[in-house]
Amino acid sequence: MLIVENKDTFFSLKALFQEGINRWNGKSFSMLIYGEGRKILYGEGRKILKSISFFEEIEEYKGLSTSFYYFGDLDAEGISI
């Protein structure tokens, strides 16, 4: 799973995913998620962390080891997420 903080970057990557391009630097991603990074300014940027737990409820991901990668700003909040 690739979580992207920036909306413009998300839409650019979404277009690539729709073309079947979902592999970078040897790493394939099965899902792209918009992480609403702009809300970090308002103290809500961490809500994506609460949403990750819901992946256990998605049938096709039950029992699988799933890795989440976060692509966001290199500020203190983005790094801690």
PDB file of N, CA and C in Angstrom:
ATOM      1  N   MET A   1       0.847  -1.156   0.000  1.00  0.00           N
ATOM      2  CA  MET A   1       0.000   0.000   0.000  1.00  0.00           C
ATOM      3  C   MET A   1       0.900   1.228   0.000  1.00  0.00           C
ATOM      4  N   LEU A   2       0.539   2.192  -0.831  1.00  0.00           N
ATOM      5  CA  LEU A   2       1.280   3.450  -0.864  1.00  0.00           C
ATOM      6  C   LEU A   2       0.336   4.569  -0.440  1.00  0.00           C
ATOM      7  N   ILE A   3       0.671   5.231   0.655  1.00  0.00           N
ATOM      8  CA  ILE A   3      -0.102   6.365   1.150  1.00  0.00           C
ATOM      9  C   ILE A   3       0.629   7.627   0.733  1.00  0.00           C
ATOM     10  N   VAL A   4      -0.093   8.517   0.042  1.00  0.00           N
ATOM     11  CA  VAL A   4       0.507   9.747  -0.469  1.00  0.00           C
ATOM     12  C   VAL A   4      -0.134  10.942   0.223  1.00  0.00           C
ATOM     13  N   GLU A   5       0.703  11.826   0.734  1.00  0.00           N
ATOM     14  CA  GLU A   5       0.221  12.977   1.493  1.00  0.00           C
ATOM     15  C   GLU A   5      -0.294  14.097   0.596  1.00  0.00           C
ATOM     16  N   ASN A   6       0.390  14.382  -0.476  1.00  0.00           N
ATOM     17  CA  ASN A   6       0.065  15.537  -1.311  1.00  0.00           C
ATOM     18  C   ASN A   6      -0.987  15.182  -2.356  1.00  0.00           C
ATOM     19  N   LYS A   7      -2.012  16.016  -2.472  1.00  0.00           N
ATOM     20  CA  LYS A   7      -3.122  15.737  -3.389  1.00  0.00           C
ATOM     21  C   LYS A   7      -2.671  15.714  -4.847  1.00  0.00           C
ATOM     22  N   ASP A   8      -1.825  16.667  -5.264  1.00  0.00           N
ATOM     23  CA  ASP A   8      -1.354  16.691  -6.651  1.00  0.00           C
ATOM     24  C   ASP A   8      -0.536  15.442  -6.974  1.00  0.00           C
ATOM     25  N   THR A   9       0.332  15.065  -6.047  1.00  0.00           N
ATOM     26  CA  THR A   9       1.127  13.845  -6.238  1.00  0.00           C
ATOM     27  C   THR A   9       0.218  12.627  -6.305  1.00  0.00           C
ATOM     28  N   PHE A  10      -0.798  12.581  -5.452  1.00  0.00           N
ATOM     29  CA  PHE A  10      -1.744  11.473  -5.466  1.00  0.00           C
ATOM     30  C   PHE A  10      -2.399  11.328  -6.844  1.00  0.00           C
ATOM     31  N   PHE A  11      -2.893  12.427  -7.405  1.00  0.00           N
ATOM     32  CA  PHE A  11      -3.573  12.344  -8.701  1.00  0.00           C
ATOM     33  C   PHE A  11      -2.618  11.982  -9.827  1.00  0.00           C
ATOM     34  N   SER A  12      -1.361  12.423  -9.745  1.00  0.00           N
ATOM     35  CA  SER A  12      -0.370  12.022 -10.746  1.00  0.00           C
ATOM     36  C   SER A  12      -0.095  10.522 -10.665  1.00  0.00           C
ATOM     37  N   LEU A  13       0.084  10.020  -9.438  1.00  0.00           N
ATOM     38  CA  LEU A  13       0.326   8.584  -9.263  1.00  0.00           C
ATOM     39  C   LEU A  13      -0.913   7.771  -9.611  1.00  0.00           C
ATOM     40  N   LYS A  14      -2.084   8.304  -9.324  1.00  0.00           N
ATOM     41  CA  LYS A  14      -3.333   7.614  -9.676  1.00  0.00           C
ATOM     42  C   LYS A  14      -3.407   7.392 -11.181  1.00  0.00           C
ATOM     43  N   ALA A  15      -3.024   8.403 -11.957  1.00  0.00           N
ATOM     44  CA  ALA A  15      -3.026   8.258 -13.420  1.00  0.00           C
ATOM     45  C   ALA A  15      -2.063   7.152 -13.854  1.00  0.00           C
ATOM     46  N   LEU A  16      -0.908   7.065 -13.200  1.00  0.00           N
ATOM     47  CA  LEU A  16       0.042   5.994 -13.518  1.00  0.00           C
ATOM     48  C   LEU A  16      -0.525   4.629 -13.138  1.00  0.00           C
ATOM     49  N   PHE A  17      -1.153   4.532 -11.967  1.00  0.00           N
ATOM     50  CA  PHE A  17      -1.780   3.272 -11.544  1.00  0.00           C
ATOM     51  C   PHE A  17      -2.814   2.827 -12.573  1.00  0.00           C
ATOM     52  N   GLN A  18      -3.600   3.767 -13.076  1.00  0.00           N
ATOM     53  CA  GLN A  18      -4.642   3.434 -14.056  1.00  0.00           C
ATOM     54  C   GLN A  18      -4.047   2.943 -15.366  1.00  0.00           C
ATOM     55  N   GLU A  19      -2.795   3.309 -15.645  1.00  0.00           N
ATOM     56  CA  GLU A  19      -2.088   2.822 -16.831  1.00  0.00           C
ATOM     57  C   GLU A  19      -1.351   1.516 -16.549  1.00  0.00           C
ATOM     58  N   GLY A  20      -1.469   1.027 -15.317  1.00  0.00           N
ATOM     59  CA  GLY A  20      -0.802  -0.218 -14.951  1.00  0.00           C
ATOM     60  C   GLY A  20       0.613  -0.029 -14.442  1.00  0.00           C
ATOM     61  N   ILE A  21       1.011   1.215 -14.235  1.00  0.00           N
ATOM     62  CA  ILE A  21       2.354   1.500 -13.723  1.00  0.00           C
ATOM     63  C   ILE A  21       2.241   1.678 -12.212  1.00  0.00           C
ATOM     64  N   ASN A  22       2.666   0.658 -11.491  1.00  0.00           N
ATOM     65  CA  ASN A  22       2.559   0.688 -10.035  1.00  0.00           C
ATOM     66  C   ASN A  22       3.809   0.114  -9.368  1.00  0.00           C
ATOM     67  N   ARG A  23       4.909   0.186 -10.083  1.00  0.00           N
ATOM     68  CA  ARG A  23       6.172  -0.370  -9.580  1.00  0.00           C
ATOM     69  C   ARG A  23       7.264   0.680  -9.738  1.00  0.00           C
ATOM     70  N   TRP A  24       7.942   0.981  -8.613  1.00  0.00           N
ATOM     71  CA  TRP A  24       9.037   1.927  -8.633  1.00  0.00           C
ATOM     72  C   TRP A  24      10.177   1.373  -7.817  1.00  0.00           C
ATOM     73  N   ASN A  25      11.371   1.470  -8.370  1.00  0.00           N
ATOM     74  CA  ASN A  25      12.582   1.043  -7.664  1.00  0.00           C
ATOM     75  C   ASN A  25      12.460  -0.391  -7.135  1.00  0.00           C
ATOM     76  N   GLY A  26      11.825  -1.243  -7.948  1.00  0.00           N
ATOM     77  CA  GLY A  26      11.702  -2.651  -7.589  1.00  0.00           C
ATOM     78  C   GLY A  26      10.586  -2.985  -6.620  1.00  0.00           C
ATOM     79  N   LYS A  27       9.794  -2.002  -6.209  1.00  0.00           N
ATOM     80  CA  LYS A  27       8.712  -2.215  -5.243  1.00  0.00           C
ATOM     81  C   LYS A  27       7.372  -2.040  -5.950  1.00  0.00           C
ATOM     82  N   SER A  28       6.505  -3.059  -5.865  1.00  0.00           N
ATOM     83  CA  SER A  28       5.162  -2.991  -6.444  1.00  0.00           C
ATOM     84  C   SER A  28       4.160  -2.607  -5.366  1.00  0.00           C
ATOM     85  N   PHE A  29       3.170  -1.819  -5.755  1.00  0.00           N
ATOM     86  CA  PHE A  29       2.129  -1.395  -4.833  1.00  0.00           C
ATOM     87  C   PHE A  29       0.779  -1.866  -5.358  1.00  0.00           C
ATOM     88  N   SER A  30      -0.034  -2.444  -4.471  1.00  0.00           N
ATOM     89  CA  SER A  30      -1.341  -2.952  -4.881  1.00  0.00           C
ATOM     90  C   SER A  30      -2.445  -1.927  -4.689  1.00  0.00           C
ATOM     91  N   MET A  31      -2.166  -0.893  -3.892  1.00  0.00           N
ATOM     92  CA  MET A  31      -3.201   0.103  -3.627  1.00  0.00           C
ATOM     93  C   MET A  31      -2.546   1.456  -3.379  1.00  0.00           C
ATOM     94  N   LEU A  32      -3.227   2.507  -3.851  1.00  0.00           N
ATOM     95  CA  LEU A  32      -2.798   3.878  -3.637  1.00  0.00           C
ATOM     96  C   LEU A  32      -3.846   4.566  -2.772  1.00  0.00           C
ATOM     97  N   ILE A  33      -3.398   5.243  -1.726  1.00  0.00           N
ATOM     98  CA  ILE A  33      -4.309   5.874  -0.765  1.00  0.00           C
ATOM     99  C   ILE A  33      -3.923   7.334  -0.602  1.00  0.00           C
ATOM    100  N   TYR A  34      -4.915   8.214  -0.640  1.00  0.00           N
ATOM    101  CA  TYR A  34      -4.670   9.628  -0.359  1.00  0.00           C
ATOM    102  C   TYR A  34      -4.736   9.836   1.145  1.00  0.00           C
ATOM    103  N   GLY A  35      -3.653  10.350   1.721  1.00  0.00           N
ATOM    104  CA  GLY A  35      -3.550  10.474   3.179  1.00  0.00           C
ATOM    105  C   GLY A  35      -3.944  11.814   3.752  1.00  0.00           C
ATOM    106  N   GLU A  36      -4.499  12.691   2.955  1.00  0.00           N
ATOM    107  CA  GLU A  36      -4.980  13.989   3.437  1.00  0.00           C
ATOM    108  C   GLU A  36      -3.937  14.749   4.223  1.00  0.00           C
ATOM    109  N   GLY A  37      -2.743  14.846   3.674  1.00  0.00           N
ATOM    110  CA  GLY A  37      -1.631  15.477   4.365  1.00  0.00           C
ATOM    111  C   GLY A  37      -1.802  16.943   4.677  1.00  0.00           C
ATOM    112  N   ARG A  38      -2.546  17.674   3.888  1.00  0.00           N
ATOM    113  CA  ARG A  38      -2.702  19.108   4.145  1.00  0.00           C
ATOM    114  C   ARG A  38      -3.340  19.359   5.497  1.00  0.00           C
ATOM    115  N   LYS A  39      -4.094  18.414   5.991  1.00  0.00           N
ATOM    116  CA  LYS A  39      -4.762  18.595   7.285  1.00  0.00           C
ATOM    117  C   LYS A  39      -3.782  18.518   8.442  1.00  0.00           C
ATOM    118  N   ILE A  40      -2.546  18.135   8.157  1.00  0.00           N
ATOM    119  CA  ILE A  40      -1.535  18.113   9.213  1.00  0.00           C
ATOM    120  C   ILE A  40      -1.433  19.505   9.835  1.00  0.00           C
ATOM    121  N   LEU A  41      -1.601  20.536   9.004  1.00  0.00           N
ATOM    122  CA  LEU A  41      -1.527  21.902   9.504  1.00  0.00           C
ATOM    123  C   LEU A  41      -2.577  22.168  10.579  1.00  0.00           C
ATOM    124  N   TYR A  42      -3.646  21.422  10.543  1.00  0.00           N
ATOM    125  CA  TYR A  42      -4.738  21.615  11.483  1.00  0.00           C
ATOM    126  C   TYR A  42      -4.794  20.517  12.542  1.00  0.00           C
ATOM    127  N   GLY A  43      -3.725  19.740  12.637  1.00  0.00           N
ATOM    128  CA  GLY A  43      -3.639  18.720  13.673  1.00  0.00           C
ATOM    129  C   GLY A  43      -4.402  17.443  13.370  1.00  0.00           C
ATOM    130  N   GLU A  44      -4.847  17.248  12.124  1.00  0.00           N
ATOM    131  CA  GLU A  44      -5.635  16.063  11.796  1.00  0.00           C
ATOM    132  C   GLU A  44      -4.895  15.093  10.888  1.00  0.00           C
ATOM    133  N   GLY A  45      -3.634  15.359  10.592  1.00  0.00           N
ATOM    134  CA  GLY A  45      -2.886  14.537   9.642  1.00  0.00           C
ATOM    135  C   GLY A  45      -2.722  13.092  10.058  1.00  0.00           C
ATOM    136  N   ARG A  46      -2.833  12.817  11.344  1.00  0.00           N
ATOM    137  CA  ARG A  46      -2.634  11.458  11.826  1.00  0.00           C
ATOM    138  C   ARG A  46      -3.860  10.581  11.666  1.00  0.00           C
ATOM    139  N   LYS A  47      -4.966  11.109  11.170  1.00  0.00           N
ATOM    140  CA  LYS A  47      -6.161  10.284  11.068  1.00  0.00           C
ATOM    141  C   LYS A  47      -5.971   9.124  10.097  1.00  0.00           C
ATOM    142  N   ILE A  48      -5.012   9.221   9.179  1.00  0.00           N
ATOM    143  CA  ILE A  48      -4.730   8.096   8.280  1.00  0.00           C
ATOM    144  C   ILE A  48      -4.251   6.898   9.092  1.00  0.00           C
ATOM    145  N   LEU A  49      -3.556   7.139  10.203  1.00  0.00           N
ATOM    146  CA  LEU A  49      -3.086   6.033  11.036  1.00  0.00           C
ATOM    147  C   LEU A  49      -4.249   5.241  11.617  1.00  0.00           C
ATOM    148  N   LYS A  50      -5.325   5.935  11.969  1.00  0.00           N
ATOM    149  CA  LYS A  50      -6.507   5.254  12.502  1.00  0.00           C
ATOM    150  C   LYS A  50      -7.212   4.447  11.416  1.00  0.00           C
ATOM    151  N   SER A  51      -7.136   4.913  10.178  1.00  0.00           N
ATOM    152  CA  SER A  51      -7.819   4.231   9.077  1.00  0.00           C
ATOM    153  C   SER A  51      -7.138   2.931   8.687  1.00  0.00           C
ATOM    154  N   ILE A  52      -5.844   2.820   8.912  1.00  0.00           N
ATOM    155  CA  ILE A  52      -5.102   1.628   8.502  1.00  0.00           C
ATOM    156  C   ILE A  52      -5.661   0.371   9.162  1.00  0.00           C
ATOM    157  N   SER A  53      -6.147   0.469  10.365  1.00  0.00           N
ATOM    158  CA  SER A  53      -6.666  -0.714  11.056  1.00  0.00           C
ATOM    159  C   SER A  53      -7.859  -1.329  10.320  1.00  0.00           C
ATOM    160  N   PHE A  54      -8.556  -0.561   9.519  1.00  0.00           N
ATOM    161  CA  PHE A  54      -9.706  -1.083   8.790  1.00  0.00           C
ATOM    162  C   PHE A  54      -9.315  -2.050   7.670  1.00  0.00           C
ATOM    163  N   PHE A  55      -8.050  -2.076   7.286  1.00  0.00           N
ATOM    164  CA  PHE A  55      -7.637  -3.005   6.237  1.00  0.00           C
ATOM    165  C   PHE A  55      -7.807  -4.452   6.663  1.00  0.00           C
ATOM    166  N   GLU A  56      -7.800  -4.687   7.960  1.00  0.00           N
ATOM    167  CA  GLU A  56      -8.018  -6.051   8.453  1.00  0.00           C
ATOM    168  C   GLU A  56      -9.426  -6.534   8.136  1.00  0.00           C
ATOM    169  N   GLU A  57     -10.349  -5.605   7.847  1.00  0.00           N
ATOM    170  CA  GLU A  57     -11.732  -5.959   7.546  1.00  0.00           C
ATOM    171  C   GLU A  57     -11.965  -6.220   6.057  1.00  0.00           C
ATOM    172  N   ILE A  58     -10.994  -5.891   5.211  1.00  0.00           N
ATOM    173  CA  ILE A  58     -11.130  -6.120   3.773  1.00  0.00           C
ATOM    174  C   ILE A  58     -10.796  -7.581   3.495  1.00  0.00           C
ATOM    175  N   GLU A  59     -11.749  -8.294   2.975  1.00  0.00           N
ATOM    176  CA  GLU A  59     -11.642  -9.746   2.791  1.00  0.00           C
ATOM    177  C   GLU A  59     -10.364 -10.166   2.067  1.00  0.00           C
ATOM    178  N   GLU A  60     -10.022  -9.495   0.979  1.00  0.00           N
ATOM    179  CA  GLU A  60      -8.873  -9.916   0.180  1.00  0.00           C
ATOM    180  C   GLU A  60      -7.530  -9.691   0.886  1.00  0.00           C
ATOM    181  N   TYR A  61      -7.515  -8.926   1.970  1.00  0.00           N
ATOM    182  CA  TYR A  61      -6.283  -8.675   2.705  1.00  0.00           C
ATOM    183  C   TYR A  61      -6.216  -9.410   4.040  1.00  0.00           C
ATOM    184  N   LYS A  62      -7.280 -10.108   4.405  1.00  0.00           N
ATOM    185  CA  LYS A  62      -7.289 -10.857   5.670  1.00  0.00           C
ATOM    186  C   LYS A  62      -6.211 -11.932   5.643  1.00  0.00           C
ATOM    187  N   GLY A  63      -5.455 -11.993   6.707  1.00  0.00           N
ATOM    188  CA  GLY A  63      -4.432 -13.015   6.833  1.00  0.00           C
ATOM    189  C   GLY A  63      -3.147 -12.732   6.075  1.00  0.00           C
ATOM    190  N   LEU A  64      -3.111 -11.645   5.315  1.00  0.00           N
ATOM    191  CA  LEU A  64      -1.906 -11.308   4.566  1.00  0.00           C
ATOM    192  C   LEU A  64      -1.056 -10.322   5.352  1.00  0.00           C
ATOM    193  N   SER A  65       0.225 -10.427   5.153  1.00  0.00           N
ATOM    194  CA  SER A  65       1.133  -9.440   5.717  1.00  0.00           C
ATOM    195  C   SER A  65       1.161  -8.257   4.755  1.00  0.00           C
ATOM    196  N   THR A  66       0.707  -7.101   5.213  1.00  0.00           N
ATOM    197  CA  THR A  66       0.601  -5.936   4.357  1.00  0.00           C
ATOM    198  C   THR A  66       1.545  -4.854   4.837  1.00  0.00           C
ATOM    199  N   SER A  67       2.309  -4.299   3.912  1.00  0.00           N
ATOM    200  CA  SER A  67       3.215  -3.202   4.243  1.00  0.00           C
ATOM    201  C   SER A  67       2.619  -1.894   3.756  1.00  0.00           C
ATOM    202  N   PHE A  68       2.760  -0.864   4.561  1.00  0.00           N
ATOM    203  CA  PHE A  68       2.293   0.462   4.201  1.00  0.00           C
ATOM    204  C   PHE A  68       3.511   1.366   4.047  1.00  0.00           C
ATOM    205  N   TYR A  69       3.558   2.056   2.935  1.00  0.00           N
ATOM    206  CA  TYR A  69       4.621   3.016   2.675  1.00  0.00           C
ATOM    207  C   TYR A  69       3.988   4.397   2.621  1.00  0.00           C
ATOM    208  N   TYR A  70       4.658   5.357   3.227  1.00  0.00           N
ATOM    209  CA  TYR A  70       4.129   6.711   3.314  1.00  0.00           C
ATOM    210  C   TYR A  70       5.027   7.648   2.529  1.00  0.00           C
ATOM    211  N   PHE A  71       4.435   8.369   1.586  1.00  0.00           N
ATOM    212  CA  PHE A  71       5.172   9.348   0.789  1.00  0.00           C
ATOM    213  C   PHE A  71       4.604  10.715   1.126  1.00  0.00           C
ATOM    214  N   GLY A  72       5.355  11.492   1.901  1.00  0.00           N
ATOM    215  CA  GLY A  72       4.864  12.790   2.326  1.00  0.00           C
ATOM    216  C   GLY A  72       5.991  13.759   2.565  1.00  0.00           C
ATOM    217  N   ASP A  73       5.637  14.876   3.172  1.00  0.00           N
ATOM    218  CA  ASP A  73       6.612  15.920   3.444  1.00  0.00           C
ATOM    219  C   ASP A  73       7.672  15.438   4.427  1.00  0.00           C
ATOM    220  N   LEU A  74       8.856  15.986   4.259  1.00  0.00           N
ATOM    221  CA  LEU A  74       9.936  15.675   5.185  1.00  0.00           C
ATOM    222  C   LEU A  74       9.959  16.727   6.305  1.00  0.00           C
ATOM    223  N   ASP A  75       8.840  16.854   6.956  1.00  0.00           N
ATOM    224  CA  ASP A  75       8.767  17.685   8.147  1.00  0.00           C
ATOM    225  C   ASP A  75       8.602  16.743   9.339  1.00  0.00           C
ATOM    226  N   ALA A  76       8.648  17.274  10.536  1.00  0.00           N
ATOM    227  CA  ALA A  76       8.600  16.422  11.737  1.00  0.00           C
ATOM    228  C   ALA A  76       7.351  15.553  11.764  1.00  0.00           C
ATOM    229  N   GLU A  77       6.198  16.126  11.442  1.00  0.00           N
ATOM    230  CA  GLU A  77       4.937  15.366  11.491  1.00  0.00           C
ATOM    231  C   GLU A  77       4.916  14.268  10.429  1.00  0.00           C
ATOM    232  N   GLY A  78       5.328  14.606   9.196  1.00  0.00           N
ATOM    233  CA  GLY A  78       5.349  13.610   8.112  1.00  0.00           C
ATOM    234  C   GLY A  78       6.284  12.466   8.407  1.00  0.00           C
ATOM    235  N   ILE A  79       7.429  12.763   8.972  1.00  0.00           N
ATOM    236  CA  ILE A  79       8.403  11.723   9.309  1.00  0.00           C
ATOM    237  C   ILE A  79       7.856  10.824  10.411  1.00  0.00           C
ATOM    238  N   SER A  80       7.186  11.393  11.401  1.00  0.00           N
ATOM    239  CA  SER A  80       6.662  10.561  12.492  1.00  0.00           C
ATOM    240  C   SER A  80       5.527   9.661  12.037  1.00  0.00           C
ATOM    241  N   ILE A  81       4.743  10.099  11.033  1.00  0.00           N
ATOM    242  CA  ILE A  81       3.688   9.243  10.492  1.00  0.00           C
ATOM    243  C   ILE A  81       4.305   8.067   9.781  1.00  0.00           C
TER     244      ILE A  81
END
